[in-house]
mmCIF file of all heavy atoms, coordinates in Angstrom:
data_MODEL
# 
_entry.id   MODEL 
# 
loop_
_atom_site.group_PDB 
_atom_site.id 
_atom_site.type_symbol 
_atom_site.label_atom_id 
_atom_site.label_alt_id 
_atom_site.label_comp_id 
_atom_site.label_asym_id 
_atom_site.label_entity_id 
_atom_site.label_seq_id 
_atom_site.pdbx_PDB_ins_code 
_atom_site.Cartn_x 
_atom_site.Cartn_y 
_atom_site.Cartn_z 
_atom_site.occupancy 
_atom_site.B_iso_or_equiv 
_atom_site.pdbx_formal_charge 
_atom_site.auth_seq_id 
_atom_site.auth_comp_id 
_atom_site.auth_asym_id 
_atom_site.auth_atom_id 
_atom_site.pdbx_PDB_model_num 
ATOM 1   N N   . ASP A 1 1  ? 0.795   -1.226  0.000   1.00 0.00 ? 1  ASP A N   1 
ATOM 2   C CA  . ASP A 1 1  ? 0.000   0.000   0.000   1.00 0.00 ? 1  ASP A CA  1 
ATOM 3   C C   . ASP A 1 1  ? 0.828   1.276   0.000   1.00 0.00 ? 1  ASP A C   1 
ATOM 4   O O   . ASP A 1 1  ? 0.278   2.361   0.176   1.00 0.00 ? 1  ASP A O   1 
ATOM 5   C CB  . ASP A 1 1  ? -0.943  0.017   1.206   1.00 0.00 ? 1  ASP A CB  1 
ATOM 6   C CG  . ASP A 1 1  ? -0.206  -0.026  2.539   1.00 0.00 ? 1  ASP A CG  1 
ATOM 7   O OD1 . ASP A 1 1  ? 1.034   -0.065  2.545   1.00 0.00 ? 1  ASP A OD1 1 
ATOM 8   O OD2 . ASP A 1 1  ? -0.885  -0.015  3.590   1.00 0.00 ? 1  ASP A OD2 1 
ATOM 9   N N   . THR A 1 2  ? 2.148   1.160   -0.211  1.00 0.00 ? 2  THR A N   1 
ATOM 10  C CA  . THR A 1 2  ? 2.963   2.380   -0.170  1.00 0.00 ? 2  THR A CA  1 
ATOM 11  C C   . THR A 1 2  ? 4.006   2.492   -1.273  1.00 0.00 ? 2  THR A C   1 
ATOM 12  O O   . THR A 1 2  ? 4.466   3.592   -1.568  1.00 0.00 ? 2  THR A O   1 
ATOM 13  C CB  . THR A 1 2  ? 3.701   2.496   1.182   1.00 0.00 ? 2  THR A CB  1 
ATOM 14  O OG1 . THR A 1 2  ? 4.529   1.332   1.374   1.00 0.00 ? 2  THR A OG1 1 
ATOM 15  C CG2 . THR A 1 2  ? 2.718   2.613   2.338   1.00 0.00 ? 2  THR A CG2 1 
ATOM 16  N N   . ASP A 1 3  ? 4.422   1.389   -1.850  1.00 0.00 ? 3  ASP A N   1 
ATOM 17  C CA  . ASP A 1 3  ? 5.542   1.399   -2.796  1.00 0.00 ? 3  ASP A CA  1 
ATOM 18  C C   . ASP A 1 3  ? 5.067   1.879   -4.168  1.00 0.00 ? 3  ASP A C   1 
ATOM 19  O O   . ASP A 1 3  ? 4.282   1.185   -4.829  1.00 0.00 ? 3  ASP A O   1 
ATOM 20  C CB  . ASP A 1 3  ? 6.145   -0.006  -2.905  1.00 0.00 ? 3  ASP A CB  1 
ATOM 21  C CG  . ASP A 1 3  ? 7.394   -0.050  -3.772  1.00 0.00 ? 3  ASP A CG  1 
ATOM 22  O OD1 . ASP A 1 3  ? 7.708   0.969   -4.425  1.00 0.00 ? 3  ASP A OD1 1 
ATOM 23  O OD2 . ASP A 1 3  ? 8.046   -1.108  -3.803  1.00 0.00 ? 3  ASP A OD2 1 
ATOM 24  N N   . PRO A 1 4  ? 5.536   3.021   -4.635  1.00 0.00 ? 4  PRO A N   1 
ATOM 25  C CA  . PRO A 1 4  ? 5.086   3.529   -5.943  1.00 0.00 ? 4  PRO A CA  1 
ATOM 26  C C   . PRO A 1 4  ? 5.359   2.563   -7.095  1.00 0.00 ? 4  PRO A C   1 
ATOM 27  O O   . PRO A 1 4  ? 4.639   2.576   -8.090  1.00 0.00 ? 4  PRO A O   1 
ATOM 28  C CB  . PRO A 1 4  ? 5.890   4.823   -6.114  1.00 0.00 ? 4  PRO A CB  1 
ATOM 29  C CG  . PRO A 1 4  ? 6.279   5.225   -4.735  1.00 0.00 ? 4  PRO A CG  1 
ATOM 30  C CD  . PRO A 1 4  ? 6.472   3.952   -3.974  1.00 0.00 ? 4  PRO A CD  1 
ATOM 31  N N   . ALA A 1 5  ? 6.386   1.727   -6.944  1.00 0.00 ? 5  ALA A N   1 
ATOM 32  C CA  . ALA A 1 5  ? 6.717   0.761   -7.999  1.00 0.00 ? 5  ALA A CA  1 
ATOM 33  C C   . ALA A 1 5  ? 5.667   -0.338  -8.112  1.00 0.00 ? 5  ALA A C   1 
ATOM 34  O O   . ALA A 1 5  ? 5.647   -1.072  -9.117  1.00 0.00 ? 5  ALA A O   1 
ATOM 35  C CB  . ALA A 1 5  ? 8.087   0.146   -7.735  1.00 0.00 ? 5  ALA A CB  1 
ATOM 36  N N   . MET A 1 6  ? 4.819   -0.463  -7.107  1.00 0.00 ? 6  MET A N   1 
ATOM 37  C CA  . MET A 1 6  ? 3.824   -1.530  -7.082  1.00 0.00 ? 6  MET A CA  1 
ATOM 38  C C   . MET A 1 6  ? 2.419   -1.027  -7.410  1.00 0.00 ? 6  MET A C   1 
ATOM 39  O O   . MET A 1 6  ? 1.435   -1.699  -7.110  1.00 0.00 ? 6  MET A O   1 
ATOM 40  C CB  . MET A 1 6  ? 3.822   -2.215  -5.705  1.00 0.00 ? 6  MET A CB  1 
ATOM 41  C CG  . MET A 1 6  ? 5.117   -2.891  -5.346  1.00 0.00 ? 6  MET A CG  1 
ATOM 42  S SD  . MET A 1 6  ? 5.422   -4.373  -6.355  1.00 0.00 ? 6  MET A SD  1 
ATOM 43  C CE  . MET A 1 6  ? 6.890   -5.013  -5.550  1.00 0.00 ? 6  MET A CE  1 
ATOM 44  N N   . LYS A 1 7  ? 2.306   0.142   -7.993  1.00 0.00 ? 7  LYS A N   1 
ATOM 45  C CA  . LYS A 1 7  ? 0.979   0.662   -8.355  1.00 0.00 ? 7  LYS A CA  1 
ATOM 46  C C   . LYS A 1 7  ? 0.299   -0.285  -9.350  1.00 0.00 ? 7  LYS A C   1 
ATOM 47  O O   . LYS A 1 7  ? 0.946   -0.898  -10.194 1.00 0.00 ? 7  LYS A O   1 
ATOM 48  C CB  . LYS A 1 7  ? 1.096   2.065   -8.954  1.00 0.00 ? 7  LYS A CB  1 
ATOM 49  C CG  . LYS A 1 7  ? 1.489   3.136   -7.956  1.00 0.00 ? 7  LYS A CG  1 
ATOM 50  C CD  . LYS A 1 7  ? 0.437   3.371   -6.878  1.00 0.00 ? 7  LYS A CD  1 
ATOM 51  C CE  . LYS A 1 7  ? -0.792  4.081   -7.360  1.00 0.00 ? 7  LYS A CE  1 
ATOM 52  N NZ  . LYS A 1 7  ? -0.606  5.498   -7.643  1.00 0.00 ? 7  LYS A NZ  1 
ATOM 53  N N   . TRP A 1 8  ? -1.018  -0.361  -9.251  1.00 0.00 ? 8  TRP A N   1 
ATOM 54  C CA  . TRP A 1 8  ? -1.804  -1.267  -10.087 1.00 0.00 ? 8  TRP A CA  1 
ATOM 55  C C   . TRP A 1 8  ? -2.351  -0.530  -11.299 1.00 0.00 ? 8  TRP A C   1 
ATOM 56  O O   . TRP A 1 8  ? -2.839  0.601   -11.186 1.00 0.00 ? 8  TRP A O   1 
ATOM 57  C CB  . TRP A 1 8  ? -2.953  -1.855  -9.286  1.00 0.00 ? 8  TRP A CB  1 
ATOM 58  C CG  . TRP A 1 8  ? -3.905  -2.712  -10.071 1.00 0.00 ? 8  TRP A CG  1 
ATOM 59  C CD1 . TRP A 1 8  ? -5.214  -2.440  -10.349 1.00 0.00 ? 8  TRP A CD1 1 
ATOM 60  C CD2 . TRP A 1 8  ? -3.623  -3.984  -10.659 1.00 0.00 ? 8  TRP A CD2 1 
ATOM 61  N NE1 . TRP A 1 8  ? -5.770  -3.464  -11.071 1.00 0.00 ? 8  TRP A NE1 1 
ATOM 62  C CE2 . TRP A 1 8  ? -4.812  -4.430  -11.287 1.00 0.00 ? 8  TRP A CE2 1 
ATOM 63  C CE3 . TRP A 1 8  ? -2.487  -4.795  -10.722 1.00 0.00 ? 8  TRP A CE3 1 
ATOM 64  C CZ2 . TRP A 1 8  ? -4.904  -5.645  -11.960 1.00 0.00 ? 8  TRP A CZ2 1 
ATOM 65  C CZ3 . TRP A 1 8  ? -2.564  -6.001  -11.396 1.00 0.00 ? 8  TRP A CZ3 1 
ATOM 66  C CH2 . TRP A 1 8  ? -3.759  -6.415  -12.001 1.00 0.00 ? 8  TRP A CH2 1 
ATOM 67  N N   . ASP A 1 9  ? -2.278  -1.168  -12.452 1.00 0.00 ? 9  ASP A N   1 
ATOM 68  C CA  . ASP A 1 9  ? -2.863  -0.653  -13.684 1.00 0.00 ? 9  ASP A CA  1 
ATOM 69  C C   . ASP A 1 9  ? -4.273  -1.227  -13.808 1.00 0.00 ? 9  ASP A C   1 
ATOM 70  O O   . ASP A 1 9  ? -4.445  -2.412  -14.100 1.00 0.00 ? 9  ASP A O   1 
ATOM 71  C CB  . ASP A 1 9  ? -1.995  -1.064  -14.877 1.00 0.00 ? 9  ASP A CB  1 
ATOM 72  C CG  . ASP A 1 9  ? -2.591  -0.659  -16.212 1.00 0.00 ? 9  ASP A CG  1 
ATOM 73  O OD1 . ASP A 1 9  ? -3.629  0.044   -16.219 1.00 0.00 ? 9  ASP A OD1 1 
ATOM 74  O OD2 . ASP A 1 9  ? -2.033  -1.056  -17.254 1.00 0.00 ? 9  ASP A OD2 1 
ATOM 75  N N   . HIS A 1 10 ? -5.284  -0.400  -13.582 1.00 0.00 ? 10 HIS A N   1 
ATOM 76  C CA  . HIS A 1 10 ? -6.659  -0.894  -13.541 1.00 0.00 ? 10 HIS A CA  1 
ATOM 77  C C   . HIS A 1 10 ? -7.139  -1.435  -14.893 1.00 0.00 ? 10 HIS A C   1 
ATOM 78  O O   . HIS A 1 10 ? -8.122  -2.187  -14.932 1.00 0.00 ? 10 HIS A O   1 
ATOM 79  C CB  . HIS A 1 10 ? -7.596  0.214   -13.051 1.00 0.00 ? 10 HIS A CB  1 
ATOM 80  C CG  . HIS A 1 10 ? -7.330  0.619   -11.632 1.00 0.00 ? 10 HIS A CG  1 
ATOM 81  N ND1 . HIS A 1 10 ? -7.626  -0.186  -10.558 1.00 0.00 ? 10 HIS A ND1 1 
ATOM 82  C CD2 . HIS A 1 10 ? -6.778  1.750   -11.110 1.00 0.00 ? 10 HIS A CD2 1 
ATOM 83  C CE1 . HIS A 1 10 ? -7.285  0.424   -9.443  1.00 0.00 ? 10 HIS A CE1 1 
ATOM 84  N NE2 . HIS A 1 10 ? -6.761  1.603   -9.746  1.00 0.00 ? 10 HIS A NE2 1 
ATOM 85  N N   . THR A 1 11 ? -6.482  -1.068  -15.979 1.00 0.00 ? 11 THR A N   1 
ATOM 86  C CA  . THR A 1 11 ? -6.891  -1.597  -17.281 1.00 0.00 ? 11 THR A CA  1 
ATOM 87  C C   . THR A 1 11 ? -6.601  -3.084  -17.409 1.00 0.00 ? 11 THR A C   1 
ATOM 88  O O   . THR A 1 11 ? -7.144  -3.746  -18.299 1.00 0.00 ? 11 THR A O   1 
ATOM 89  C CB  . THR A 1 11 ? -6.201  -0.844  -18.427 1.00 0.00 ? 11 THR A CB  1 
ATOM 90  O OG1 . THR A 1 11 ? -4.783  -1.072  -18.372 1.00 0.00 ? 11 THR A OG1 1 
ATOM 91  C CG2 . THR A 1 11 ? -6.480  0.651   -18.337 1.00 0.00 ? 11 THR A CG2 1 
ATOM 92  N N   . GLN A 1 12 ? -5.755  -3.631  -16.523 1.00 0.00 ? 12 GLN A N   1 
ATOM 93  C CA  . GLN A 1 12 ? -5.404  -5.058  -16.613 1.00 0.00 ? 12 GLN A CA  1 
ATOM 94  C C   . GLN A 1 12 ? -6.572  -5.973  -16.249 1.00 0.00 ? 12 GLN A C   1 
ATOM 95  O O   . GLN A 1 12 ? -6.575  -7.150  -16.624 1.00 0.00 ? 12 GLN A O   1 
ATOM 96  C CB  . GLN A 1 12 ? -4.221  -5.369  -15.696 1.00 0.00 ? 12 GLN A CB  1 
ATOM 97  C CG  . GLN A 1 12 ? -2.902  -4.781  -16.143 1.00 0.00 ? 12 GLN A CG  1 
ATOM 98  C CD  . GLN A 1 12 ? -1.751  -5.347  -15.343 1.00 0.00 ? 12 GLN A CD  1 
ATOM 99  O OE1 . GLN A 1 12 ? -1.633  -6.547  -15.125 1.00 0.00 ? 12 GLN A OE1 1 
ATOM 100 N NE2 . GLN A 1 12 ? -0.883  -4.457  -14.881 1.00 0.00 ? 12 GLN A NE2 1 
ATOM 101 N N   . TYR A 1 13 ? -7.510  -5.459  -15.490 1.00 0.00 ? 13 TYR A N   1 
ATOM 102 C CA  . TYR A 1 13 ? -8.635  -6.297  -15.044 1.00 0.00 ? 13 TYR A CA  1 
ATOM 103 C C   . TYR A 1 13 ? -9.870  -5.431  -14.982 1.00 0.00 ? 13 TYR A C   1 
ATOM 104 O O   . TYR A 1 13 ? -9.999  -4.559  -14.121 1.00 0.00 ? 13 TYR A O   1 
ATOM 105 C CB  . TYR A 1 13 ? -8.325  -6.903  -13.675 1.00 0.00 ? 13 TYR A CB  1 
ATOM 106 C CG  . TYR A 1 13 ? -9.359  -7.894  -13.171 1.00 0.00 ? 13 TYR A CG  1 
ATOM 107 C CD1 . TYR A 1 13 ? -9.354  -9.220  -13.616 1.00 0.00 ? 13 TYR A CD1 1 
ATOM 108 C CD2 . TYR A 1 13 ? -10.320 -7.518  -12.229 1.00 0.00 ? 13 TYR A CD2 1 
ATOM 109 C CE1 . TYR A 1 13 ? -10.279 -10.131 -13.140 1.00 0.00 ? 13 TYR A CE1 1 
ATOM 110 C CE2 . TYR A 1 13 ? -11.248 -8.424  -11.750 1.00 0.00 ? 13 TYR A CE2 1 
ATOM 111 C CZ  . TYR A 1 13 ? -11.225 -9.739  -12.212 1.00 0.00 ? 13 TYR A CZ  1 
ATOM 112 O OH  . TYR A 1 13 ? -12.143 -10.653 -11.735 1.00 0.00 ? 13 TYR A OH  1 
ATOM 113 N N   . GLN A 1 14 ? -10.787 -5.661  -15.901 1.00 0.00 ? 14 GLN A N   1 
ATOM 114 C CA  . GLN A 1 14 ? -12.033 -4.903  -15.969 1.00 0.00 ? 14 GLN A CA  1 
ATOM 115 C C   . GLN A 1 14 ? -13.197 -5.812  -15.563 1.00 0.00 ? 14 GLN A C   1 
ATOM 116 O O   . GLN A 1 14 ? -13.658 -6.637  -16.344 1.00 0.00 ? 14 GLN A O   1 
ATOM 117 C CB  . GLN A 1 14 ? -12.231 -4.337  -17.372 1.00 0.00 ? 14 GLN A CB  1 
ATOM 118 C CG  . GLN A 1 14 ? -11.298 -3.190  -17.720 1.00 0.00 ? 14 GLN A CG  1 
ATOM 119 C CD  . GLN A 1 14 ? -11.569 -1.955  -16.849 1.00 0.00 ? 14 GLN A CD  1 
ATOM 120 O OE1 . GLN A 1 14 ? -12.702 -1.673  -16.482 1.00 0.00 ? 14 GLN A OE1 1 
ATOM 121 N NE2 . GLN A 1 14 ? -10.515 -1.225  -16.520 1.00 0.00 ? 14 GLN A NE2 1 
ATOM 122 N N   . PRO A 1 15 ? -13.663 -5.687  -14.317 1.00 0.00 ? 15 PRO A N   1 
ATOM 123 C CA  . PRO A 1 15 ? -14.720 -6.579  -13.834 1.00 0.00 ? 15 PRO A CA  1 
ATOM 124 C C   . PRO A 1 15 ? -16.088 -6.239  -14.400 1.00 0.00 ? 15 PRO A C   1 
ATOM 125 O O   . PRO A 1 15 ? -16.361 -5.100  -14.795 1.00 0.00 ? 15 PRO A O   1 
ATOM 126 C CB  . PRO A 1 15 ? -14.691 -6.339  -12.320 1.00 0.00 ? 15 PRO A CB  1 
ATOM 127 C CG  . PRO A 1 15 ? -14.215 -4.923  -12.193 1.00 0.00 ? 15 PRO A CG  1 
ATOM 128 C CD  . PRO A 1 15 ? -13.227 -4.725  -13.309 1.00 0.00 ? 15 PRO A CD  1 
ATOM 129 N N   . ASP A 1 16 ? -16.942 -7.241  -14.409 1.00 0.00 ? 16 ASP A N   1 
ATOM 130 C CA  . ASP A 1 16 ? -18.355 -7.016  -14.719 1.00 0.00 ? 16 ASP A CA  1 
ATOM 131 C C   . ASP A 1 16 ? -19.072 -6.404  -13.519 1.00 0.00 ? 16 ASP A C   1 
ATOM 132 O O   . ASP A 1 16 ? -19.987 -5.601  -13.677 1.00 0.00 ? 16 ASP A O   1 
ATOM 133 C CB  . ASP A 1 16 ? -19.030 -8.335  -15.088 1.00 0.00 ? 16 ASP A CB  1 
ATOM 134 C CG  . ASP A 1 16 ? -18.415 -8.971  -16.308 1.00 0.00 ? 16 ASP A CG  1 
ATOM 135 O OD1 . ASP A 1 16 ? -18.495 -8.370  -17.392 1.00 0.00 ? 16 ASP A OD1 1 
ATOM 136 O OD2 . ASP A 1 16 ? -17.822 -10.065 -16.172 1.00 0.00 ? 16 ASP A OD2 1 
ATOM 137 N N   . VAL A 1 17 ? -18.658 -6.834  -12.316 1.00 0.00 ? 17 VAL A N   1 
ATOM 138 C CA  . VAL A 1 17 ? -19.291 -6.365  -11.084 1.00 0.00 ? 17 VAL A CA  1 
ATOM 139 C C   . VAL A 1 17 ? -18.218 -6.087  -10.040 1.00 0.00 ? 17 VAL A C   1 
ATOM 140 O O   . VAL A 1 17 ? -17.281 -6.879  -9.876  1.00 0.00 ? 17 VAL A O   1 
ATOM 141 C CB  . VAL A 1 17 ? -20.277 -7.394  -10.500 1.00 0.00 ? 17 VAL A CB  1 
ATOM 142 C CG1 . VAL A 1 17 ? -21.052 -6.784  -9.330  1.00 0.00 ? 17 VAL A CG1 1 
ATOM 143 C CG2 . VAL A 1 17 ? -21.235 -7.915  -11.541 1.00 0.00 ? 17 VAL A CG2 1 
ATOM 144 N N   . ILE A 1 18 ? -18.379 -4.982  -9.330  1.00 0.00 ? 18 ILE A N   1 
ATOM 145 C CA  . ILE A 1 18 ? -17.549 -4.658  -8.168  1.00 0.00 ? 18 ILE A CA  1 
ATOM 146 C C   . ILE A 1 18 ? -18.435 -4.707  -6.936  1.00 0.00 ? 18 ILE A C   1 
ATOM 147 O O   . ILE A 1 18 ? -19.512 -4.105  -6.919  1.00 0.00 ? 18 ILE A O   1 
ATOM 148 C CB  . ILE A 1 18 ? -16.924 -3.264  -8.299  1.00 0.00 ? 18 ILE A CB  1 
ATOM 149 C CG1 . ILE A 1 18 ? -16.054 -3.170  -9.558  1.00 0.00 ? 18 ILE A CG1 1 
ATOM 150 C CG2 . ILE A 1 18 ? -16.102 -2.921  -7.059  1.00 0.00 ? 18 ILE A CG2 1 
ATOM 151 C CD1 . ILE A 1 18 ? -15.626 -1.750  -9.896  1.00 0.00 ? 18 ILE A CD1 1 
ATOM 152 N N   . VAL A 1 19 ? -17.992 -5.430  -5.906  1.00 0.00 ? 19 VAL A N   1 
ATOM 153 C CA  . VAL A 1 19 ? -18.692 -5.458  -4.632  1.00 0.00 ? 19 VAL A CA  1 
ATOM 154 C C   . VAL A 1 19 ? -17.794 -4.790  -3.596  1.00 0.00 ? 19 VAL A C   1 
ATOM 155 O O   . VAL A 1 19 ? -16.643 -5.201  -3.404  1.00 0.00 ? 19 VAL A O   1 
ATOM 156 C CB  . VAL A 1 19 ? -19.014 -6.893  -4.185  1.00 0.00 ? 19 VAL A CB  1 
ATOM 157 C CG1 . VAL A 1 19 ? -19.667 -6.887  -2.800  1.00 0.00 ? 19 VAL A CG1 1 
ATOM 158 C CG2 . VAL A 1 19 ? -19.920 -7.583  -5.207  1.00 0.00 ? 19 VAL A CG2 1 
ATOM 159 N N   . SER A 1 20 ? -18.297 -3.753  -2.944  1.00 0.00 ? 20 SER A N   1 
ATOM 160 C CA  . SER A 1 20 ? -17.562 -3.091  -1.869  1.00 0.00 ? 20 SER A CA  1 
ATOM 161 C C   . SER A 1 20 ? -18.213 -3.448  -0.541  1.00 0.00 ? 20 SER A C   1 
ATOM 162 O O   . SER A 1 20 ? -19.344 -3.049  -0.268  1.00 0.00 ? 20 SER A O   1 
ATOM 163 C CB  . SER A 1 20 ? -17.559 -1.573  -2.063  1.00 0.00 ? 20 SER A CB  1 
ATOM 164 O OG  . SER A 1 20 ? -16.908 -0.936  -0.982  1.00 0.00 ? 20 SER A OG  1 
ATOM 165 N N   . ALA A 1 21 ? -17.478 -4.227  0.271   1.00 0.00 ? 21 ALA A N   1 
ATOM 166 C CA  . ALA A 1 21 ? -17.976 -4.652  1.585   1.00 0.00 ? 21 ALA A CA  1 
ATOM 167 C C   . ALA A 1 21 ? -17.074 -4.057  2.656   1.00 0.00 ? 21 ALA A C   1 
ATOM 168 O O   . ALA A 1 21 ? -16.346 -4.756  3.354   1.00 0.00 ? 21 ALA A O   1 
ATOM 169 C CB  . ALA A 1 21 ? -18.003 -6.174  1.671   1.00 0.00 ? 21 ALA A CB  1 
ATOM 170 N N   . ILE A 1 22 ? -17.093 -2.744  2.771   1.00 0.00 ? 22 ILE A N   1 
ATOM 171 C CA  . ILE A 1 22 ? -16.208 -2.027  3.686   1.00 0.00 ? 22 ILE A CA  1 
ATOM 172 C C   . ILE A 1 22 ? -17.041 -1.281  4.721   1.00 0.00 ? 22 ILE A C   1 
ATOM 173 O O   . ILE A 1 22 ? -18.212 -0.964  4.455   1.00 0.00 ? 22 ILE A O   1 
ATOM 174 C CB  . ILE A 1 22 ? -15.292 -1.046  2.906   1.00 0.00 ? 22 ILE A CB  1 
ATOM 175 C CG1 . ILE A 1 22 ? -14.041 -0.677  3.718   1.00 0.00 ? 22 ILE A CG1 1 
ATOM 176 C CG2 . ILE A 1 22 ? -16.077 0.181   2.451   1.00 0.00 ? 22 ILE A CG2 1 
ATOM 177 C CD1 . ILE A 1 22 ? -13.060 -1.809  3.864   1.00 0.00 ? 22 ILE A CD1 1 
ATOM 178 N N   . GLY A 1 23 ? -16.449 -1.026  5.883   1.00 0.00 ? 23 GLY A N   1 
ATOM 179 C CA  . GLY A 1 23 ? -17.144 -0.215  6.883   1.00 0.00 ? 23 GLY A CA  1 
ATOM 180 C C   . GLY A 1 23 ? -17.058 -0.749  8.304   1.00 0.00 ? 23 GLY A C   1 
ATOM 181 O O   . GLY A 1 23 ? -17.158 0.029   9.260   1.00 0.00 ? 23 GLY A O   1 
ATOM 182 N N   . THR A 1 24 ? -16.870 -2.053  8.467   1.00 0.00 ? 24 THR A N   1 
ATOM 183 C CA  . THR A 1 24 ? -16.842 -2.625  9.820   1.00 0.00 ? 24 THR A CA  1 
ATOM 184 C C   . THR A 1 24 ? -15.798 -1.939  10.690  1.00 0.00 ? 24 THR A C   1 
ATOM 185 O O   . THR A 1 24 ? -16.076 -1.570  11.842  1.00 0.00 ? 24 THR A O   1 
ATOM 186 C CB  . THR A 1 24 ? -16.560 -4.135  9.751   1.00 0.00 ? 24 THR A CB  1 
ATOM 187 O OG1 . THR A 1 24 ? -17.639 -4.778  9.068   1.00 0.00 ? 24 THR A OG1 1 
ATOM 188 C CG2 . THR A 1 24 ? -16.432 -4.729  11.145  1.00 0.00 ? 24 THR A CG2 1 
ATOM 189 N N   . ASN A 1 25 ? -14.592 -1.753  10.172  1.00 0.00 ? 25 ASN A N   1 
ATOM 190 C CA  . ASN A 1 25 ? -13.524 -1.156  10.984  1.00 0.00 ? 25 ASN A CA  1 
ATOM 191 C C   . ASN A 1 25 ? -13.732 0.334   11.214  1.00 0.00 ? 25 ASN A C   1 
ATOM 192 O O   . ASN A 1 25 ? -13.351 0.872   12.267  1.00 0.00 ? 25 ASN A O   1 
ATOM 193 C CB  . ASN A 1 25 ? -12.172 -1.417  10.323  1.00 0.00 ? 25 ASN A CB  1 
ATOM 194 C CG  . ASN A 1 25 ? -11.832 -2.894  10.320  1.00 0.00 ? 25 ASN A CG  1 
ATOM 195 O OD1 . ASN A 1 25 ? -11.801 -3.533  11.364  1.00 0.00 ? 25 ASN A OD1 1 
ATOM 196 N ND2 . ASN A 1 25 ? -11.612 -3.448  9.137   1.00 0.00 ? 25 ASN A ND2 1 
ATOM 197 N N   . ASP A 1 26 ? -14.362 1.024   10.249  1.00 0.00 ? 26 ASP A N   1 
ATOM 198 C CA  . ASP A 1 26 ? -14.699 2.433   10.448  1.00 0.00 ? 26 ASP A CA  1 
ATOM 199 C C   . ASP A 1 26 ? -15.591 2.628   11.669  1.00 0.00 ? 26 ASP A C   1 
ATOM 200 O O   . ASP A 1 26 ? -15.528 3.656   12.352  1.00 0.00 ? 26 ASP A O   1 
ATOM 201 C CB  . ASP A 1 26 ? -15.446 2.975   9.227   1.00 0.00 ? 26 ASP A CB  1 
ATOM 202 C CG  . ASP A 1 26 ? -14.607 2.976   7.964   1.00 0.00 ? 26 ASP A CG  1 
ATOM 203 O OD1 . ASP A 1 26 ? -13.693 3.799   7.862   1.00 0.00 ? 26 ASP A OD1 1 
ATOM 204 O OD2 . ASP A 1 26 ? -14.872 2.136   7.085   1.00 0.00 ? 26 ASP A OD2 1 
ATOM 205 N N   . PHE A 1 27 ? -16.454 1.637   11.939  1.00 0.00 ? 27 PHE A N   1 
ATOM 206 C CA  . PHE A 1 27 ? -17.466 1.761   12.989  1.00 0.00 ? 27 PHE A CA  1 
ATOM 207 C C   . PHE A 1 27 ? -17.047 1.076   14.292  1.00 0.00 ? 27 PHE A C   1 
ATOM 208 O O   . PHE A 1 27 ? -17.810 1.078   15.254  1.00 0.00 ? 27 PHE A O   1 
ATOM 209 C CB  . PHE A 1 27 ? -18.791 1.170   12.495  1.00 0.00 ? 27 PHE A CB  1 
ATOM 210 C CG  . PHE A 1 27 ? -19.532 2.062   11.524  1.00 0.00 ? 27 PHE A CG  1 
ATOM 211 C CD1 . PHE A 1 27 ? -19.051 2.285   10.244  1.00 0.00 ? 27 PHE A CD1 1 
ATOM 212 C CD2 . PHE A 1 27 ? -20.708 2.689   11.898  1.00 0.00 ? 27 PHE A CD2 1 
ATOM 213 C CE1 . PHE A 1 27 ? -19.719 3.100   9.342   1.00 0.00 ? 27 PHE A CE1 1 
ATOM 214 C CE2 . PHE A 1 27 ? -21.394 3.514   11.007  1.00 0.00 ? 27 PHE A CE2 1 
ATOM 215 C CZ  . PHE A 1 27 ? -20.894 3.722   9.729   1.00 0.00 ? 27 PHE A CZ  1 
ATOM 216 N N   . SER A 1 28 ? -15.859 0.492   14.330  1.00 0.00 ? 28 SER A N   1 
ATOM 217 C CA  . SER A 1 28 ? -15.474 -0.266  15.522  1.00 0.00 ? 28 SER A CA  1 
ATOM 218 C C   . SER A 1 28 ? -15.282 0.625   16.743  1.00 0.00 ? 28 SER A C   1 
ATOM 219 O O   . SER A 1 28 ? -15.475 0.180   17.882  1.00 0.00 ? 28 SER A O   1 
ATOM 220 C CB  . SER A 1 28 ? -14.201 -1.064  15.256  1.00 0.00 ? 28 SER A CB  1 
ATOM 221 O OG  . SER A 1 28 ? -13.105 -0.205  15.002  1.00 0.00 ? 28 SER A OG  1 
ATOM 222 N N   . GLN A 1 29 ? -14.895 1.889   16.543  1.00 0.00 ? 29 GLN A N   1 
ATOM 223 C CA  . GLN A 1 29 ? -14.711 2.825   17.652  1.00 0.00 ? 29 GLN A CA  1 
ATOM 224 C C   . GLN A 1 29 ? -15.922 3.740   17.839  1.00 0.00 ? 29 GLN A C   1 
ATOM 225 O O   . GLN A 1 29 ? -15.849 4.747   18.545  1.00 0.00 ? 29 GLN A O   1 
ATOM 226 C CB  . GLN A 1 29 ? -13.462 3.678   17.405  1.00 0.00 ? 29 GLN A CB  1 
ATOM 227 C CG  . GLN A 1 29 ? -12.171 2.892   17.310  1.00 0.00 ? 29 GLN A CG  1 
ATOM 228 C CD  . GLN A 1 29 ? -11.807 2.217   18.612  1.00 0.00 ? 29 GLN A CD  1 
ATOM 229 O OE1 . GLN A 1 29 ? -11.850 2.846   19.668  1.00 0.00 ? 29 GLN A OE1 1 
ATOM 230 N NE2 . GLN A 1 29 ? -11.464 0.946   18.553  1.00 0.00 ? 29 GLN A NE2 1 
# 
């Protein structure tokens, strides 16, 4: 999550569906 050399090229994988299941840790406190 920090190395600029490891950035992802989003054109390499174009999904039909994206599921975002985020938030549990935001609400833990």
